[in-house]
Amino acid sequence: MDRVFSRDYDPVAKSDADGDSDATITSRPSRRGFQQFLKRNLAAITITGLLMILLLLAIAVITAIAVEPFHKVLVVNGPSSDSLAYPETLEGKRQCLPPAPRVRYSCGNSTKEAEALGCSYDPLAGCWLHKECPHDFTDEFAHFNNGKPFVYFYDEAATQQMKDYTELGNNPDFYWTAVREHLVHCLYLLRRGHDVHMRGARLDNMLADLEHVDHCTNMLANWLRRPDPALEEIGTQGQTHCFMSCA
């Protein structure tokens, strides 16, 4: 009798070298599925991309404003801003380099506003000045006149005198005083500017104004040019055997 063979046998696996094997076919990514995904989510992907671009632009603008790394050298031909310091030269002109940005303390435009902002009248500057600003040499100036405050008047004829610095600070108009007061003002204001610069403190807009510095030095020089026998007396000793450095 012939032998009957069963057809229920396991199929022989195809060789790995066969490029059309089942394993090879199933491992390939479905391009059609990816394209369908893009079509279904195209709007969401576009909106997300635009939002990311806007966010990056906003971060760049905020960084540029806050960090301010692009300060340019400013050539000063007149009054400078209250944030300038460190005089240098550029093409033969005096100029300044701005220090690191700081909070600006203002005194407003009236005595009431100044008091509300934390300011007080500074006799040396002759202006209202914030409490956070340097007030160096104010006492020395205020008592330079034989230990007493300088005398101020409402009029050039010196007929209406002010009683103290409080009245002077609340005066809404001009005042008149002796030339000595102006010279002492320049003297101590220059000293204030030097000390403030050396310790890296804040510069108010009067100290930072190179035009005002020139005004004070010229005024002192002009008065020293006036004939005065006391200035001609031999009373100054100097030394030439000294050697300096700069940094």
C-alpha atoms as a PDB file:
ATOM      1  CA  MET A   1       0.000   0.000   0.000  1.00  0.00           C
ATOM      2  CA  ASP A   2       1.240   3.376  -0.870  1.00  0.00           C
ATOM      3  CA  ARG A   3       2.196   5.615   2.126  1.00  0.00           C
ATOM      4  CA  VAL A   4       0.070   8.719   2.633  1.00  0.00           C
ATOM      5  CA  PHE A   5       2.001  11.944   3.575  1.00  0.00           C
ATOM      6  CA  SER A   6       0.432  14.682   5.616  1.00  0.00           C
ATOM      7  CA  ARG A   7       0.473  18.199   4.144  1.00  0.00           C
ATOM      8  CA  ASP A   8       0.430  19.818   7.591  1.00  0.00           C
ATOM      9  CA  TYR A   9       4.129  20.728   7.692  1.00  0.00           C
ATOM     10  CA  ASP A  10       5.963  23.908   8.759  1.00  0.00           C
ATOM     11  CA  PRO A  11       7.085  26.092   5.887  1.00  0.00           C
ATOM     12  CA  VAL A  12      10.796  26.500   5.399  1.00  0.00           C
ATOM     13  CA  ALA A  13      12.042  29.968   6.391  1.00  0.00           C
ATOM     14  CA  LYS A  14      13.559  32.009   3.615  1.00  0.00           C
ATOM     15  CA  SER A  15      17.208  32.868   3.682  1.00  0.00           C
ATOM     16  CA  ASP A  16      18.413  36.176   5.240  1.00  0.00           C
ATOM     17  CA  ALA A  17      20.081  36.951   1.980  1.00  0.00           C
ATOM     18  CA  ASP A  18      16.733  37.062   0.247  1.00  0.00           C
ATOM     19  CA  GLY A  19      15.896  40.705  -0.196  1.00  0.00           C
ATOM     20  CA  ASP A  20      12.157  39.944  -0.320  1.00  0.00           C
ATOM     21  CA  SER A  21      11.956  38.098   2.977  1.00  0.00           C
ATOM     22  CA  ASP A  22       9.033  38.744   5.329  1.00  0.00           C
ATOM     23  CA  ALA A  23      11.369  40.120   7.998  1.00  0.00           C
ATOM     24  CA  THR A  24      12.835  42.637   5.624  1.00  0.00           C
ATOM     25  CA  ILE A  25       9.458  43.825   4.394  1.00  0.00           C
ATOM     26  CA  THR A  26       7.938  44.311   7.832  1.00  0.00           C
ATOM     27  CA  SER A  27      10.985  46.260   9.125  1.00  0.00           C
ATOM     28  CA  ARG A  28      10.684  49.036   6.558  1.00  0.00           C
ATOM     29  CA  PRO A  29       8.915  52.246   7.771  1.00  0.00           C
ATOM     30  CA  SER A  30       5.626  53.059   6.192  1.00  0.00           C
ATOM     31  CA  ARG A  31       6.059  56.237   4.161  1.00  0.00           C
ATOM     32  CA  ARG A  32       2.406  56.401   3.442  1.00  0.00           C
ATOM     33  CA  GLY A  33       1.563  56.472   7.167  1.00  0.00           C
ATOM     34  CA  PHE A  34       4.026  59.327   7.775  1.00  0.00           C
ATOM     35  CA  GLN A  35       2.570  61.371   4.927  1.00  0.00           C
ATOM     36  CA  GLN A  36      -0.919  60.867   6.308  1.00  0.00           C
ATOM     37  CA  PHE A  37       0.307  62.041   9.725  1.00  0.00           C
ATOM     38  CA  LEU A  38       1.695  65.238   8.175  1.00  0.00           C
ATOM     39  CA  LYS A  39      -1.553  65.926   6.352  1.00  0.00           C
ATOM     40  CA  ARG A  40      -3.625  65.467   9.479  1.00  0.00           C
ATOM     41  CA  ASN A  41      -1.362  67.645  11.682  1.00  0.00           C
ATOM     42  CA  LEU A  42      -0.071  70.208   9.194  1.00  0.00           C
ATOM     43  CA  ALA A  43      -1.943  73.124  10.801  1.00  0.00           C
ATOM     44  CA  ALA A  44      -0.798  72.264  14.328  1.00  0.00           C
ATOM     45  CA  ILE A  45       2.824  71.860  13.215  1.00  0.00           C
ATOM     46  CA  THR A  46       2.755  75.209  11.365  1.00  0.00           C
ATOM     47  CA  ILE A  47       1.262  77.098  14.314  1.00  0.00           C
ATOM     48  CA  THR A  48       3.752  75.532  16.749  1.00  0.00           C
ATOM     49  CA  GLY A  49       6.671  76.534  14.525  1.00  0.00           C
ATOM     50  CA  LEU A  50       5.479  80.136  14.271  1.00  0.00           C
ATOM     51  CA  LEU A  51       5.017  80.366  18.030  1.00  0.00           C
ATOM     52  CA  MET A  52       8.558  79.080  18.607  1.00  0.00           C
ATOM     53  CA  ILE A  53       9.959  81.699  16.207  1.00  0.00           C
ATOM     54  CA  LEU A  54       8.030  84.494  17.944  1.00  0.00           C
ATOM     55  CA  LEU A  55       9.228  83.278  21.342  1.00  0.00           C
ATOM     56  CA  LEU A  56      12.874  83.304  20.236  1.00  0.00           C
ATOM     57  CA  LEU A  57      12.491  86.821  18.805  1.00  0.00           C
ATOM     58  CA  ALA A  58      10.920  88.053  22.055  1.00  0.00           C
ATOM     59  CA  ILE A  59      13.774  86.550  24.105  1.00  0.00           C
ATOM     60  CA  ALA A  60      16.347  88.193  21.823  1.00  0.00           C
ATOM     61  CA  VAL A  61      14.705  91.631  22.140  1.00  0.00           C
ATOM     62  CA  ILE A  62      14.376  91.386  25.933  1.00  0.00           C
ATOM     63  CA  THR A  63      18.013  90.309  26.248  1.00  0.00           C
ATOM     64  CA  ALA A  64      19.214  93.198  24.088  1.00  0.00           C
ATOM     65  CA  ILE A  65      17.254  95.716  26.182  1.00  0.00           C
ATOM     66  CA  ALA A  66      18.139  94.292  29.605  1.00  0.00           C
ATOM     67  CA  VAL A  67      21.792  93.447  29.097  1.00  0.00           C
ATOM     68  CA  GLU A  68      22.647  96.435  26.864  1.00  0.00           C
ATOM     69  CA  PRO A  69      25.907  95.000  25.537  1.00  0.00           C
ATOM     70  CA  PHE A  70      25.967  97.311  22.542  1.00  0.00           C
ATOM     71  CA  HIS A  71      26.764 100.660  24.191  1.00  0.00           C
ATOM     72  CA  LYS A  72      28.578 102.953  21.795  1.00  0.00           C
ATOM     73  CA  VAL A  73      31.161 105.550  22.708  1.00  0.00           C
ATOM     74  CA  LEU A  74      29.505 108.939  23.062  1.00  0.00           C
ATOM     75  CA  VAL A  75      31.315 112.092  22.037  1.00  0.00           C
ATOM     76  CA  VAL A  76      30.369 114.885  24.389  1.00  0.00           C
ATOM     77  CA  ASN A  77      30.157 118.369  22.905  1.00  0.00           C
ATOM     78  CA  GLY A  78      27.699 119.734  25.472  1.00  0.00           C
ATOM     79  CA  PRO A  79      25.855 118.520  28.562  1.00  0.00           C
ATOM     80  CA  SER A  80      26.194 114.786  29.058  1.00  0.00           C
ATOM     81  CA  SER A  81      23.668 112.368  30.469  1.00  0.00           C
ATOM     82  CA  ASP A  82      23.600 111.456  34.151  1.00  0.00           C
ATOM     83  CA  SER A  83      24.917 107.963  33.446  1.00  0.00           C
ATOM     84  CA  LEU A  84      28.288 108.946  31.894  1.00  0.00           C
ATOM     85  CA  ALA A  85      31.679 108.677  33.519  1.00  0.00           C
ATOM     86  CA  TYR A  86      35.383 108.101  32.841  1.00  0.00           C
ATOM     87  CA  PRO A  87      36.521 110.871  30.459  1.00  0.00           C
ATOM     88  CA  GLU A  88      38.646 109.782  27.492  1.00  0.00           C
ATOM     89  CA  THR A  89      39.509 111.281  24.126  1.00  0.00           C
ATOM     90  CA  LEU A  90      38.349 110.367  20.655  1.00  0.00           C
ATOM     91  CA  GLU A  91      39.627 112.228  17.597  1.00  0.00           C
ATOM     92  CA  GLY A  92      40.780 115.047  19.832  1.00  0.00           C
ATOM     93  CA  LYS A  93      37.398 115.488  21.544  1.00  0.00           C
ATOM     94  CA  ARG A  94      36.548 114.753  25.153  1.00  0.00           C
ATOM     95  CA  GLN A  95      34.109 111.885  25.523  1.00  0.00           C
ATOM     96  CA  CYS A  96      32.881 109.397  28.100  1.00  0.00           C
ATOM     97  CA  LEU A  97      32.304 105.703  28.397  1.00  0.00           C
ATOM     98  CA  PRO A  98      29.094 104.598  30.138  1.00  0.00           C
ATOM     99  CA  PRO A  99      29.430 102.385  33.222  1.00  0.00           C
ATOM    100  CA  ALA A 100      27.223  99.378  33.912  1.00  0.00           C
ATOM    101  CA  PRO A 101      23.504 100.234  33.853  1.00  0.00           C
ATOM    102  CA  ARG A 102      22.014 101.298  37.196  1.00  0.00           C
ATOM    103  CA  VAL A 103      18.627 102.261  38.519  1.00  0.00           C
ATOM    104  CA  ARG A 104      18.054 105.975  37.944  1.00  0.00           C
ATOM    105  CA  TYR A 105      16.831 107.939  40.974  1.00  0.00           C
ATOM    106  CA  SER A 106      14.922 111.064  39.990  1.00  0.00           C
ATOM    107  CA  CYS A 107      13.683 114.007  42.041  1.00  0.00           C
ATOM    108  CA  GLY A 108      10.875 114.998  39.710  1.00  0.00           C
ATOM    109  CA  ASN A 109      10.132 118.623  38.841  1.00  0.00           C
ATOM    110  CA  SER A 110       8.836 120.204  42.071  1.00  0.00           C
ATOM    111  CA  THR A 111       9.708 120.345  45.751  1.00  0.00           C
ATOM    112  CA  LYS A 112       6.636 118.306  46.717  1.00  0.00           C
ATOM    113  CA  GLU A 113       7.438 115.662  44.142  1.00  0.00           C
ATOM    114  CA  ALA A 114      11.093 115.611  45.237  1.00  0.00           C
ATOM    115  CA  GLU A 115      10.184 115.049  48.892  1.00  0.00           C
ATOM    116  CA  ALA A 116       7.774 112.270  47.912  1.00  0.00           C
ATOM    117  CA  LEU A 117      10.544 110.570  45.927  1.00  0.00           C
ATOM    118  CA  GLY A 118      12.994 110.630  48.866  1.00  0.00           C
ATOM    119  CA  CYS A 119      15.022 113.691  47.884  1.00  0.00           C
ATOM    120  CA  SER A 120      16.347 116.587  49.965  1.00  0.00           C
ATOM    121  CA  TYR A 121      17.897 119.927  49.114  1.00  0.00           C
ATOM    122  CA  ASP A 122      21.670 119.677  48.742  1.00  0.00           C
ATOM    123  CA  PRO A 123      23.321 123.086  49.433  1.00  0.00           C
ATOM    124  CA  LEU A 124      26.547 122.115  47.685  1.00  0.00           C
ATOM    125  CA  ALA A 125      24.850 121.186  44.423  1.00  0.00           C
ATOM    126  CA  GLY A 126      22.224 123.894  44.834  1.00  0.00           C
ATOM    127  CA  CYS A 127      19.617 121.320  43.762  1.00  0.00           C
ATOM    128  CA  TRP A 128      17.391 118.624  45.176  1.00  0.00           C
ATOM    129  CA  LEU A 129      19.210 115.300  45.331  1.00  0.00           C
ATOM    130  CA  HIS A 130      17.972 111.768  46.046  1.00  0.00           C
ATOM    131  CA  LYS A 131      19.022 110.089  49.283  1.00  0.00           C
ATOM    132  CA  GLU A 132      20.663 107.268  47.288  1.00  0.00           C
ATOM    133  CA  CYS A 133      22.923 109.746  45.501  1.00  0.00           C
ATOM    134  CA  PRO A 134      26.287 110.776  47.041  1.00  0.00           C
ATOM    135  CA  HIS A 135      26.167 113.867  49.289  1.00  0.00           C
ATOM    136  CA  ASP A 136      29.927 114.149  49.906  1.00  0.00           C
ATOM    137  CA  PHE A 137      31.273 117.453  51.302  1.00  0.00           C
ATOM    138  CA  THR A 138      27.839 118.981  51.852  1.00  0.00           C
ATOM    139  CA  ASP A 139      28.629 119.786  55.508  1.00  0.00           C
ATOM    140  CA  GLU A 140      32.065 121.174  54.631  1.00  0.00           C
ATOM    141  CA  PHE A 141      30.505 123.480  52.063  1.00  0.00           C
ATOM    142  CA  ALA A 142      27.633 124.554  54.301  1.00  0.00           C
ATOM    143  CA  HIS A 143      30.008 125.654  57.100  1.00  0.00           C
ATOM    144  CA  PHE A 144      32.911 126.952  55.028  1.00  0.00           C
ATOM    145  CA  ASN A 145      31.864 130.566  55.639  1.00  0.00           C
ATOM    146  CA  ASN A 146      33.503 130.926  59.076  1.00  0.00           C
ATOM    147  CA  GLY A 147      31.453 127.985  60.326  1.00  0.00           C
ATOM    148  CA  LYS A 148      28.202 129.578  59.229  1.00  0.00           C
ATOM    149  CA  PRO A 149      25.968 129.020  56.181  1.00  0.00           C
ATOM    150  CA  PHE A 150      26.467 131.281  53.214  1.00  0.00           C
ATOM    151  CA  VAL A 151      24.058 134.198  52.898  1.00  0.00           C
ATOM    152  CA  TYR A 152      21.479 134.159  50.096  1.00  0.00           C
ATOM    153  CA  PHE A 153      19.102 136.823  48.834  1.00  0.00           C
ATOM    154  CA  TYR A 154      15.971 136.956  46.696  1.00  0.00           C
ATOM    155  CA  ASP A 155      17.250 139.990  44.805  1.00  0.00           C
ATOM    156  CA  GLU A 156      20.522 141.190  43.319  1.00  0.00           C
ATOM    157  CA  ALA A 157      20.411 144.308  45.485  1.00  0.00           C
ATOM    158  CA  ALA A 158      20.611 142.039  48.550  1.00  0.00           C
ATOM    159  CA  THR A 159      17.599 143.578  50.295  1.00  0.00           C
ATOM    160  CA  GLN A 160      15.612 140.361  50.951  1.00  0.00           C
ATOM    161  CA  GLN A 161      17.700 137.742  52.719  1.00  0.00           C
ATOM    162  CA  MET A 162      16.795 134.068  53.079  1.00  0.00           C
ATOM    163  CA  LYS A 163      17.087 132.742  56.602  1.00  0.00           C
ATOM    164  CA  ASP A 164      18.473 129.243  55.951  1.00  0.00           C
ATOM    165  CA  TYR A 165      19.029 126.450  53.425  1.00  0.00           C
ATOM    166  CA  THR A 166      15.478 125.191  53.898  1.00  0.00           C
ATOM    167  CA  GLU A 167      14.090 128.485  52.629  1.00  0.00           C
ATOM    168  CA  LEU A 168      16.676 128.449  49.863  1.00  0.00           C
ATOM    169  CA  GLY A 169      15.624 124.974  48.749  1.00  0.00           C
ATOM    170  CA  ASN A 170      11.957 125.940  48.614  1.00  0.00           C
ATOM    171  CA  ASN A 171      12.630 129.071  46.594  1.00  0.00           C
ATOM    172  CA  PRO A 172      10.876 128.627  43.211  1.00  0.00           C
ATOM    173  CA  ASP A 173      12.984 131.297  41.515  1.00  0.00           C
ATOM    174  CA  PHE A 174      16.611 132.437  41.294  1.00  0.00           C
ATOM    175  CA  TYR A 175      18.782 133.430  44.250  1.00  0.00           C
ATOM    176  CA  TRP A 176      21.739 135.766  44.631  1.00  0.00           C
ATOM    177  CA  THR A 177      24.833 135.262  46.763  1.00  0.00           C
ATOM    178  CA  ALA A 178      28.522 136.198  47.014  1.00  0.00           C
ATOM    179  CA  VAL A 179      31.099 135.075  44.456  1.00  0.00           C
ATOM    180  CA  ARG A 180      32.917 133.259  47.263  1.00  0.00           C
ATOM    181  CA  GLU A 181      29.972 130.863  47.546  1.00  0.00           C
ATOM    182  CA  HIS A 182      30.240 130.023  43.842  1.00  0.00           C
ATOM    183  CA  LEU A 183      33.986 129.366  44.106  1.00  0.00           C
ATOM    184  CA  VAL A 184      33.547 127.118  47.134  1.00  0.00           C
ATOM    185  CA  HIS A 185      30.731 125.328  45.346  1.00  0.00           C
ATOM    186  CA  CYS A 186      33.094 124.522  42.472  1.00  0.00           C
ATOM    187  CA  LEU A 187      35.882 123.507  44.840  1.00  0.00           C
ATOM    188  CA  TYR A 188      33.894 120.942  46.798  1.00  0.00           C
ATOM    189  CA  LEU A 189      31.894 119.713  43.834  1.00  0.00           C
ATOM    190  CA  LEU A 190      35.129 118.784  42.071  1.00  0.00           C
ATOM    191  CA  ARG A 191      36.234 116.943  45.207  1.00  0.00           C
ATOM    192  CA  ARG A 192      32.903 115.149  45.370  1.00  0.00           C
ATOM    193  CA  GLY A 193      33.260 114.064  41.767  1.00  0.00           C
ATOM    194  CA  HIS A 194      36.721 112.649  42.395  1.00  0.00           C
ATOM    195  CA  ASP A 195      35.727 110.701  45.507  1.00  0.00           C
ATOM    196  CA  VAL A 196      32.580 109.329  43.888  1.00  0.00           C
ATOM    197  CA  HIS A 197      34.550 108.213  40.842  1.00  0.00           C
ATOM    198  CA  MET A 198      37.259 106.511  42.940  1.00  0.00           C
ATOM    199  CA  ARG A 199      34.815 104.357  44.873  1.00  0.00           C
ATOM    200  CA  GLY A 200      32.603 103.642  41.855  1.00  0.00           C
ATOM    201  CA  ALA A 201      29.511 105.292  43.352  1.00  0.00           C
ATOM    202  CA  ARG A 202      26.673 106.992  41.508  1.00  0.00           C
ATOM    203  CA  LEU A 203      27.236 110.157  39.510  1.00  0.00           C
ATOM    204  CA  ASP A 204      24.455 112.711  39.547  1.00  0.00           C
ATOM    205  CA  ASN A 205      23.846 114.631  36.352  1.00  0.00           C
ATOM    206  CA  MET A 206      25.782 117.663  37.612  1.00  0.00           C
ATOM    207  CA  LEU A 207      28.911 115.674  38.466  1.00  0.00           C
ATOM    208  CA  ALA A 208      28.739 113.808  35.157  1.00  0.00           C
ATOM    209  CA  ASP A 209      28.295 116.980  33.120  1.00  0.00           C
ATOM    210  CA  LEU A 210      31.665 117.795  31.555  1.00  0.00           C
ATOM    211  CA  GLU A 211      30.414 121.254  30.631  1.00  0.00           C
ATOM    212  CA  HIS A 212      29.834 122.028  34.317  1.00  0.00           C
ATOM    213  CA  VAL A 213      33.309 120.706  35.176  1.00  0.00           C
ATOM    214  CA  ASP A 214      34.798 123.010  32.560  1.00  0.00           C
ATOM    215  CA  HIS A 215      32.738 125.902  33.948  1.00  0.00           C
ATOM    216  CA  CYS A 216      34.043 125.364  37.480  1.00  0.00           C
ATOM    217  CA  THR A 217      37.693 124.925  36.513  1.00  0.00           C
ATOM    218  CA  ASN A 218      37.563 128.011  34.271  1.00  0.00           C
ATOM    219  CA  MET A 219      35.948 130.078  36.996  1.00  0.00           C
ATOM    220  CA  LEU A 220      38.582 129.052  39.545  1.00  0.00           C
ATOM    221  CA  ALA A 221      41.327 129.808  37.028  1.00  0.00           C
ATOM    222  CA  ASN A 222      39.897 133.234  36.168  1.00  0.00           C
ATOM    223  CA  TRP A 223      39.709 134.297  39.794  1.00  0.00           C
ATOM    224  CA  LEU A 224      43.246 133.040  40.438  1.00  0.00           C
ATOM    225  CA  ARG A 225      44.422 135.285  37.592  1.00  0.00           C
ATOM    226  CA  ARG A 226      43.208 138.368  39.440  1.00  0.00           C
ATOM    227  CA  PRO A 227      45.932 140.453  41.105  1.00  0.00           C
ATOM    228  CA  ASP A 228      46.227 139.528  44.768  1.00  0.00           C
ATOM    229  CA  PRO A 229      49.416 140.223  46.769  1.00  0.00           C
ATOM    230  CA  ALA A 230      48.700 137.255  49.033  1.00  0.00           C
ATOM    231  CA  LEU A 231      48.942 134.887  46.082  1.00  0.00           C
ATOM    232  CA  GLU A 232      52.373 136.185  45.228  1.00  0.00           C
ATOM    233  CA  GLU A 233      53.842 135.414  48.639  1.00  0.00           C
ATOM    234  CA  ILE A 234      56.389 132.593  48.784  1.00  0.00           C
ATOM    235  CA  GLY A 235      54.658 129.878  50.774  1.00  0.00           C
ATOM    236  CA  THR A 236      54.538 126.759  48.612  1.00  0.00           C
ATOM    237  CA  GLN A 237      57.084 123.935  48.721  1.00  0.00           C
ATOM    238  CA  GLY A 238      57.287 121.313  45.996  1.00  0.00           C
ATOM    239  CA  GLN A 239      59.340 118.258  45.144  1.00  0.00           C
ATOM    240  CA  THR A 240      60.568 117.270  41.686  1.00  0.00           C
ATOM    241  CA  HIS A 241      62.359 114.034  42.653  1.00  0.00           C
ATOM    242  CA  CYS A 242      59.163 111.970  42.364  1.00  0.00           C
ATOM    243  CA  PHE A 243      58.215 109.272  39.891  1.00  0.00           C
ATOM    244  CA  MET A 244      54.635 108.500  38.987  1.00  0.00           C
ATOM    245  CA  SER A 245      52.755 105.710  37.284  1.00  0.00           C
ATOM    246  CA  CYS A 246      49.349 105.334  35.692  1.00  0.00           C
ATOM    247  CA  ALA A 247      46.971 102.426  35.176  1.00  0.00           C
END
